[in-house]
Amino acid sequence: MNATRKTLGPSNPSAADYLIASKQCELMHLQHFLQMGKLIQSISNLVHGLQQERGASNVFLGSGGGLIPLCHSA
């Protein structure tokens, strides 16, 4: 019976193997969340810039094509 355990031993994961796999999976998920956060921030910056352009276009059209002041307070 001990001979069977020795041959099966290397293929059976131990508790430490499960713990390591769990930590690796957790790190992978955290890295994914970090990447998603960076992507969301980039998209947010893009949308903000587009909204600023939209506002500037509305001022231009509302003024009848007049000049837009270059300095605006943010």
N, C-alpha and C. Protein backbone atom coordinates (compact mmCIF):
# COMPACT_ATOMS: atom_id res chain seq x y z
N MET A 1 0.81 -1.19 0.00
CA MET A 1 0.00 0.00 0.00
C MET A 1 0.86 1.26 0.00
N ASN A 2 1.98 1.24 0.69
CA ASN A 2 2.88 2.39 0.68
C ASN A 2 3.45 2.62 -0.71
N ALA A 3 3.65 1.55 -1.46
CA ALA A 3 4.19 1.69 -2.81
C ALA A 3 3.21 2.45 -3.70
N THR A 4 1.92 2.22 -3.50
CA THR A 4 0.92 2.95 -4.29
C THR A 4 0.93 4.43 -3.93
N ARG A 5 1.10 4.75 -2.69
CA ARG A 5 1.14 6.15 -2.25
C ARG A 5 2.36 6.86 -2.82
N LYS A 6 3.47 6.19 -2.88
CA LYS A 6 4.68 6.82 -3.40
C LYS A 6 4.52 7.15 -4.88
N THR A 7 3.87 6.28 -5.64
CA THR A 7 3.70 6.56 -7.06
C THR A 7 2.63 7.63 -7.29
N LEU A 8 1.65 7.73 -6.41
CA LEU A 8 0.61 8.75 -6.57
C LEU A 8 1.01 10.07 -5.92
N GLY A 9 1.98 10.06 -5.01
CA GLY A 9 2.37 11.24 -4.25
C GLY A 9 2.69 12.45 -5.09
N PRO A 10 3.56 12.37 -6.08
CA PRO A 10 3.91 13.55 -6.87
C PRO A 10 2.73 14.12 -7.67
N SER A 11 1.77 13.29 -8.07
CA SER A 11 0.65 13.80 -8.87
C SER A 11 -0.46 14.37 -8.00
N ASN A 12 -0.47 14.10 -6.71
CA ASN A 12 -1.48 14.65 -5.82
C ASN A 12 -0.98 15.96 -5.23
N PRO A 13 -1.68 17.05 -5.49
CA PRO A 13 -1.24 18.33 -4.94
C PRO A 13 -1.44 18.39 -3.43
N SER A 14 -0.51 19.05 -2.78
CA SER A 14 -0.61 19.21 -1.34
C SER A 14 -1.38 20.49 -1.03
N ALA A 15 -1.62 20.72 0.25
CA ALA A 15 -2.30 21.93 0.68
C ALA A 15 -1.49 23.17 0.30
N ALA A 16 -0.18 23.07 0.39
CA ALA A 16 0.69 24.18 0.00
C ALA A 16 0.57 24.49 -1.49
N ASP A 17 0.42 23.45 -2.32
CA ASP A 17 0.24 23.66 -3.75
C ASP A 17 -1.06 24.42 -4.03
N TYR A 18 -2.12 24.05 -3.30
CA TYR A 18 -3.39 24.76 -3.46
C TYR A 18 -3.28 26.21 -3.00
N LEU A 19 -2.55 26.43 -1.92
CA LEU A 19 -2.37 27.79 -1.41
C LEU A 19 -1.60 28.64 -2.41
N ILE A 20 -0.54 28.09 -2.98
CA ILE A 20 0.25 28.81 -3.97
C ILE A 20 -0.60 29.11 -5.21
N ALA A 21 -1.36 28.13 -5.66
CA ALA A 21 -2.22 28.33 -6.83
C ALA A 21 -3.27 29.40 -6.54
N SER A 22 -3.80 29.41 -5.34
CA SER A 22 -4.79 30.40 -4.95
C SER A 22 -4.20 31.80 -4.94
N LYS A 23 -2.99 31.94 -4.40
CA LYS A 23 -2.33 33.25 -4.35
C LYS A 23 -1.98 33.73 -5.77
N GLN A 24 -1.54 32.82 -6.63
CA GLN A 24 -1.23 33.18 -8.01
C GLN A 24 -2.49 33.65 -8.75
N CYS A 25 -3.59 32.97 -8.50
CA CYS A 25 -4.86 33.34 -9.11
C CYS A 25 -5.31 34.72 -8.60
N GLU A 26 -5.14 34.95 -7.32
CA GLU A 26 -5.50 36.24 -6.73
C GLU A 26 -4.66 37.36 -7.33
N LEU A 27 -3.35 37.14 -7.49
CA LEU A 27 -2.48 38.13 -8.11
C LEU A 27 -2.88 38.40 -9.56
N MET A 28 -3.23 37.36 -10.26
CA MET A 28 -3.65 37.51 -11.65
C MET A 28 -4.91 38.38 -11.73
N HIS A 29 -5.86 38.15 -10.83
CA HIS A 29 -7.09 38.95 -10.81
C HIS A 29 -6.79 40.40 -10.43
N LEU A 30 -5.90 40.61 -9.50
CA LEU A 30 -5.55 41.99 -9.11
C LEU A 30 -4.86 42.73 -10.25
N GLN A 31 -4.00 42.03 -10.99
CA GLN A 31 -3.35 42.65 -12.14
C GLN A 31 -4.39 43.01 -13.21
N HIS A 32 -5.37 42.13 -13.38
CA HIS A 32 -6.45 42.40 -14.34
C HIS A 32 -7.24 43.64 -13.90
N PHE A 33 -7.56 43.74 -12.62
CA PHE A 33 -8.29 44.91 -12.11
C PHE A 33 -7.47 46.18 -12.29
N LEU A 34 -6.17 46.09 -12.09
CA LEU A 34 -5.30 47.25 -12.28
C LEU A 34 -5.33 47.71 -13.74
N GLN A 35 -5.24 46.76 -14.66
CA GLN A 35 -5.29 47.09 -16.09
C GLN A 35 -6.63 47.71 -16.45
N MET A 36 -7.71 47.16 -15.90
CA MET A 36 -9.04 47.71 -16.18
C MET A 36 -9.16 49.12 -15.62
N GLY A 37 -8.60 49.36 -14.45
CA GLY A 37 -8.63 50.69 -13.86
C GLY A 37 -7.88 51.70 -14.72
N LYS A 38 -6.74 51.30 -15.26
CA LYS A 38 -5.97 52.18 -16.15
C LYS A 38 -6.75 52.47 -17.43
N LEU A 39 -7.41 51.46 -17.96
CA LEU A 39 -8.21 51.63 -19.17
C LEU A 39 -9.38 52.57 -18.91
N ILE A 40 -10.05 52.39 -17.78
CA ILE A 40 -11.19 53.25 -17.43
C ILE A 40 -10.73 54.68 -17.26
N GLN A 41 -9.58 54.90 -16.64
CA GLN A 41 -9.05 56.25 -16.47
C GLN A 41 -8.76 56.89 -17.82
N SER A 42 -8.19 56.14 -18.75
CA SER A 42 -7.90 56.66 -20.09
C SER A 42 -9.18 57.02 -20.83
N ILE A 43 -10.18 56.17 -20.72
CA ILE A 43 -11.46 56.44 -21.37
C ILE A 43 -12.11 57.68 -20.75
N SER A 44 -12.01 57.80 -19.43
CA SER A 44 -12.56 58.96 -18.73
C SER A 44 -11.89 60.25 -19.21
N ASN A 45 -10.58 60.22 -19.37
CA ASN A 45 -9.84 61.39 -19.86
C ASN A 45 -10.27 61.74 -21.29
N LEU A 46 -10.47 60.73 -22.11
CA LEU A 46 -10.92 60.96 -23.48
C LEU A 46 -12.30 61.61 -23.50
N VAL A 47 -13.23 61.07 -22.72
CA VAL A 47 -14.58 61.61 -22.68
C VAL A 47 -14.57 63.05 -22.17
N HIS A 48 -13.75 63.32 -21.16
CA HIS A 48 -13.64 64.68 -20.63
C HIS A 48 -13.14 65.64 -21.71
N GLY A 49 -12.13 65.24 -22.46
CA GLY A 49 -11.62 66.07 -23.54
C GLY A 49 -12.66 66.32 -24.62
N LEU A 50 -13.42 65.28 -24.95
CA LEU A 50 -14.47 65.44 -25.96
C LEU A 50 -15.57 66.38 -25.47
N GLN A 51 -15.89 66.31 -24.18
CA GLN A 51 -16.90 67.22 -23.63
C GLN A 51 -16.40 68.66 -23.65
N GLN A 52 -15.12 68.87 -23.39
CA GLN A 52 -14.56 70.22 -23.47
C GLN A 52 -14.66 70.76 -24.90
N GLU A 53 -14.33 69.92 -25.87
CA GLU A 53 -14.43 70.32 -27.27
C GLU A 53 -15.88 70.63 -27.65
N ARG A 54 -16.78 69.82 -27.16
CA ARG A 54 -18.20 70.06 -27.44
C ARG A 54 -18.64 71.40 -26.88
N GLY A 55 -18.20 71.71 -25.66
CA GLY A 55 -18.53 72.99 -25.06
C GLY A 55 -17.96 74.15 -25.85
N ALA A 56 -16.72 74.01 -26.29
CA ALA A 56 -16.09 75.07 -27.08
C ALA A 56 -16.82 75.26 -28.41
N SER A 57 -17.25 74.17 -29.02
CA SER A 57 -18.00 74.27 -30.28
C SER A 57 -19.33 74.98 -30.06
N ASN A 58 -20.00 74.70 -28.93
CA ASN A 58 -21.27 75.36 -28.63
C ASN A 58 -21.07 76.86 -28.41
N VAL A 59 -20.00 77.25 -27.75
CA VAL A 59 -19.71 78.67 -27.54
C VAL A 59 -19.46 79.34 -28.89
N PHE A 60 -18.69 78.67 -29.73
CA PHE A 60 -18.38 79.22 -31.05
C PHE A 60 -19.65 79.41 -31.87
N LEU A 61 -20.49 78.36 -31.90
CA LEU A 61 -21.72 78.46 -32.68
C LEU A 61 -22.69 79.45 -32.07
N GLY A 62 -22.75 79.49 -30.74
CA GLY A 62 -23.64 80.43 -30.06
C GLY A 62 -23.24 81.88 -30.24
N SER A 63 -21.97 82.11 -30.47
CA SER A 63 -21.49 83.48 -30.64
C SER A 63 -21.58 83.93 -32.10
N GLY A 64 -22.11 83.09 -32.93
CA GLY A 64 -22.23 83.44 -34.35
C GLY A 64 -20.90 83.34 -35.08
N GLY A 65 -20.01 82.52 -34.61
CA GLY A 65 -18.74 82.32 -35.29
C GLY A 65 -17.64 83.25 -34.79
N GLY A 66 -17.88 83.89 -33.65
CA GLY A 66 -16.86 84.79 -33.10
C GLY A 66 -15.69 84.00 -32.52
N LEU A 67 -14.68 84.74 -32.12
CA LEU A 67 -13.50 84.11 -31.56
C LEU A 67 -13.78 83.60 -30.15
N ILE A 68 -13.17 82.50 -29.83
CA ILE A 68 -13.28 81.93 -28.49
C ILE A 68 -12.05 82.37 -27.70
N PRO A 69 -12.23 82.89 -26.50
CA PRO A 69 -11.05 83.26 -25.69
C PRO A 69 -10.18 82.04 -25.44
N LEU A 70 -8.86 82.22 -25.56
CA LEU A 70 -7.93 81.10 -25.37
C LEU A 70 -7.79 80.72 -23.91
N CYS A 71 -8.01 81.65 -23.00
CA CYS A 71 -7.88 81.36 -21.57
C CYS A 71 -9.25 81.09 -21.00
N HIS A 72 -9.42 79.92 -20.44
CA HIS A 72 -10.64 79.64 -19.72
C HIS A 72 -10.30 79.09 -18.37
N SER A 73 -11.13 79.40 -17.42
CA SER A 73 -10.89 78.92 -16.05
C SER A 73 -11.41 77.50 -15.93
N ALA A 74 -10.59 76.64 -15.37
CA ALA A 74 -10.96 75.23 -15.24
C ALA A 74 -11.55 74.96 -13.88
